[in-house]
Every structure is written in C-alpha cells, then in structure tokens.
Amino acid sequence: MLTPEGEIEIDFKRDENYIWLCNVDSDSQEYEDLDIQVINQIKSWERLPEDFSRYWHEV
C-alpha cells in the first residue's frame, strides 16, 4: 500500500494453516478430501477462525 507520504507499506501474516496447505500435494487424497471453502478460507487474508476445527492437525 502506498501511504500519503509516498512510502510503501506491506502487511505480512504468518499462518500455520497456509504453510500446511502449501505443503500438501495437490494430487493427494488428503488435498482431495479438503472442502474448497476451507481451502479458500485458509488462502484469504482473514484466515480460519480461531475456533475452527483443524482436523488435519489431529492426525
């Protein structure tokens, strides 16, 4: 984002769910079993809600 002062401001977020998703093989059954809405939510800026059941962490 360009600030009124002409400086560039970039926001970053570290998200363990996004890191996990990037490491799942898109040809795997694990990826196929994911709901597309969950994938889209992980990829969104808002990410998953804190109380969302992260069933892939339970394995």
C-alpha atoms as a PDB file:
ATOM      1  CA  MET A   1       0.000   0.000   0.000  1.00  0.00           C
ATOM      2  CA  LEU A   2       1.244   3.480  -0.803  1.00  0.00           C
ATOM      3  CA  THR A   3       0.937   5.862   2.143  1.00  0.00           C
ATOM      4  CA  PRO A   4       0.063   9.571   1.762  1.00  0.00           C
ATOM      5  CA  GLU A   5       3.752  10.305   2.447  1.00  0.00           C
ATOM      6  CA  GLY A   6       4.709   8.262  -0.632  1.00  0.00           C
ATOM      7  CA  GLU A   7       6.098   5.332   1.342  1.00  0.00           C
ATOM      8  CA  ILE A   8       5.250   1.711   0.655  1.00  0.00           C
ATOM      9  CA  GLU A   9       3.649  -0.262   3.490  1.00  0.00           C
ATOM     10  CA  ILE A  10       3.357  -4.047   3.244  1.00  0.00           C
ATOM     11  CA  ASP A  11       1.452  -6.225   5.717  1.00  0.00           C
ATOM     12  CA  PHE A  12       2.524  -9.817   6.283  1.00  0.00           C
ATOM     13  CA  LYS A  13       0.885 -12.624   8.202  1.00  0.00           C
ATOM     14  CA  ARG A  14       2.405 -15.934   9.192  1.00  0.00           C
ATOM     15  CA  ASP A  15      -0.263 -18.588   9.156  1.00  0.00           C
ATOM     16  CA  GLU A  16       0.464 -22.207  10.090  1.00  0.00           C
ATOM     17  CA  ASN A  17      -2.605 -23.418   8.189  1.00  0.00           C
ATOM     18  CA  TYR A  18      -1.428 -21.734   4.988  1.00  0.00           C
ATOM     19  CA  ILE A  19       2.050 -23.191   5.410  1.00  0.00           C
ATOM     20  CA  TRP A  20       0.492 -26.627   5.920  1.00  0.00           C
ATOM     21  CA  LEU A  21      -1.741 -26.216   2.847  1.00  0.00           C
ATOM     22  CA  CYS A  22       1.227 -25.234   0.676  1.00  0.00           C
ATOM     23  CA  ASN A  23       2.989 -28.443   1.705  1.00  0.00           C
ATOM     24  CA  VAL A  24       0.077 -30.767   0.873  1.00  0.00           C
ATOM     25  CA  ASP A  25       0.461 -32.445  -2.506  1.00  0.00           C
ATOM     26  CA  SER A  26      -2.419 -31.207  -4.673  1.00  0.00           C
ATOM     27  CA  ASP A  27      -2.665 -34.694  -6.195  1.00  0.00           C
ATOM     28  CA  SER A  28      -3.015 -36.396  -2.806  1.00  0.00           C
ATOM     29  CA  GLN A  29      -6.135 -37.827  -1.219  1.00  0.00           C
ATOM     30  CA  GLU A  30      -5.595 -35.515   1.733  1.00  0.00           C
ATOM     31  CA  TYR A  31      -5.952 -32.490  -0.556  1.00  0.00           C
ATOM     32  CA  GLU A  32      -8.918 -34.026  -2.387  1.00  0.00           C
ATOM     33  CA  ASP A  33     -10.684 -34.527   0.954  1.00  0.00           C
ATOM     34  CA  LEU A  34     -10.475 -30.833   1.818  1.00  0.00           C
ATOM     35  CA  ASP A  35     -13.580 -28.748   1.316  1.00  0.00           C
ATOM     36  CA  ILE A  36     -12.981 -25.974  -1.229  1.00  0.00           C
ATOM     37  CA  GLN A  37     -14.459 -23.455   1.222  1.00  0.00           C
ATOM     38  CA  VAL A  38     -11.825 -24.432   3.782  1.00  0.00           C
ATOM     39  CA  ILE A  39      -9.075 -24.023   1.179  1.00  0.00           C
ATOM     40  CA  ASN A  40     -10.407 -20.615   0.170  1.00  0.00           C
ATOM     41  CA  GLN A  41     -10.689 -19.500   3.792  1.00  0.00           C
ATOM     42  CA  ILE A  42      -7.099 -20.575   4.510  1.00  0.00           C
ATOM     43  CA  LYS A  43      -5.947 -18.596   1.461  1.00  0.00           C
ATOM     44  CA  SER A  44      -7.932 -15.498   2.404  1.00  0.00           C
ATOM     45  CA  TRP A  45      -6.463 -12.597   4.395  1.00  0.00           C
ATOM     46  CA  GLU A  46      -8.895 -13.310   7.248  1.00  0.00           C
ATOM     47  CA  ARG A  47      -7.737 -16.941   7.505  1.00  0.00           C
ATOM     48  CA  LEU A  48      -9.602 -19.536   9.556  1.00  0.00           C
ATOM     49  CA  PRO A  49     -11.415 -18.561  12.749  1.00  0.00           C
ATOM     50  CA  GLU A  50      -9.572 -19.444  15.964  1.00  0.00           C
ATOM     51  CA  ASP A  51     -12.300 -21.909  16.998  1.00  0.00           C
ATOM     52  CA  PHE A  52     -12.304 -23.757  13.650  1.00  0.00           C
ATOM     53  CA  SER A  53     -11.657 -27.492  13.979  1.00  0.00           C
ATOM     54  CA  ARG A  54      -8.310 -28.104  12.309  1.00  0.00           C
ATOM     55  CA  TYR A  55      -8.839 -31.786  11.791  1.00  0.00           C
ATOM     56  CA  TRP A  56      -5.634 -32.132   9.750  1.00  0.00           C
ATOM     57  CA  HIS A  57      -3.618 -31.294  12.880  1.00  0.00           C
ATOM     58  CA  GLU A  58      -5.211 -34.196  14.735  1.00  0.00           C
ATOM     59  CA  VAL A  59      -3.609 -36.832  12.530  1.00  0.00           C
END
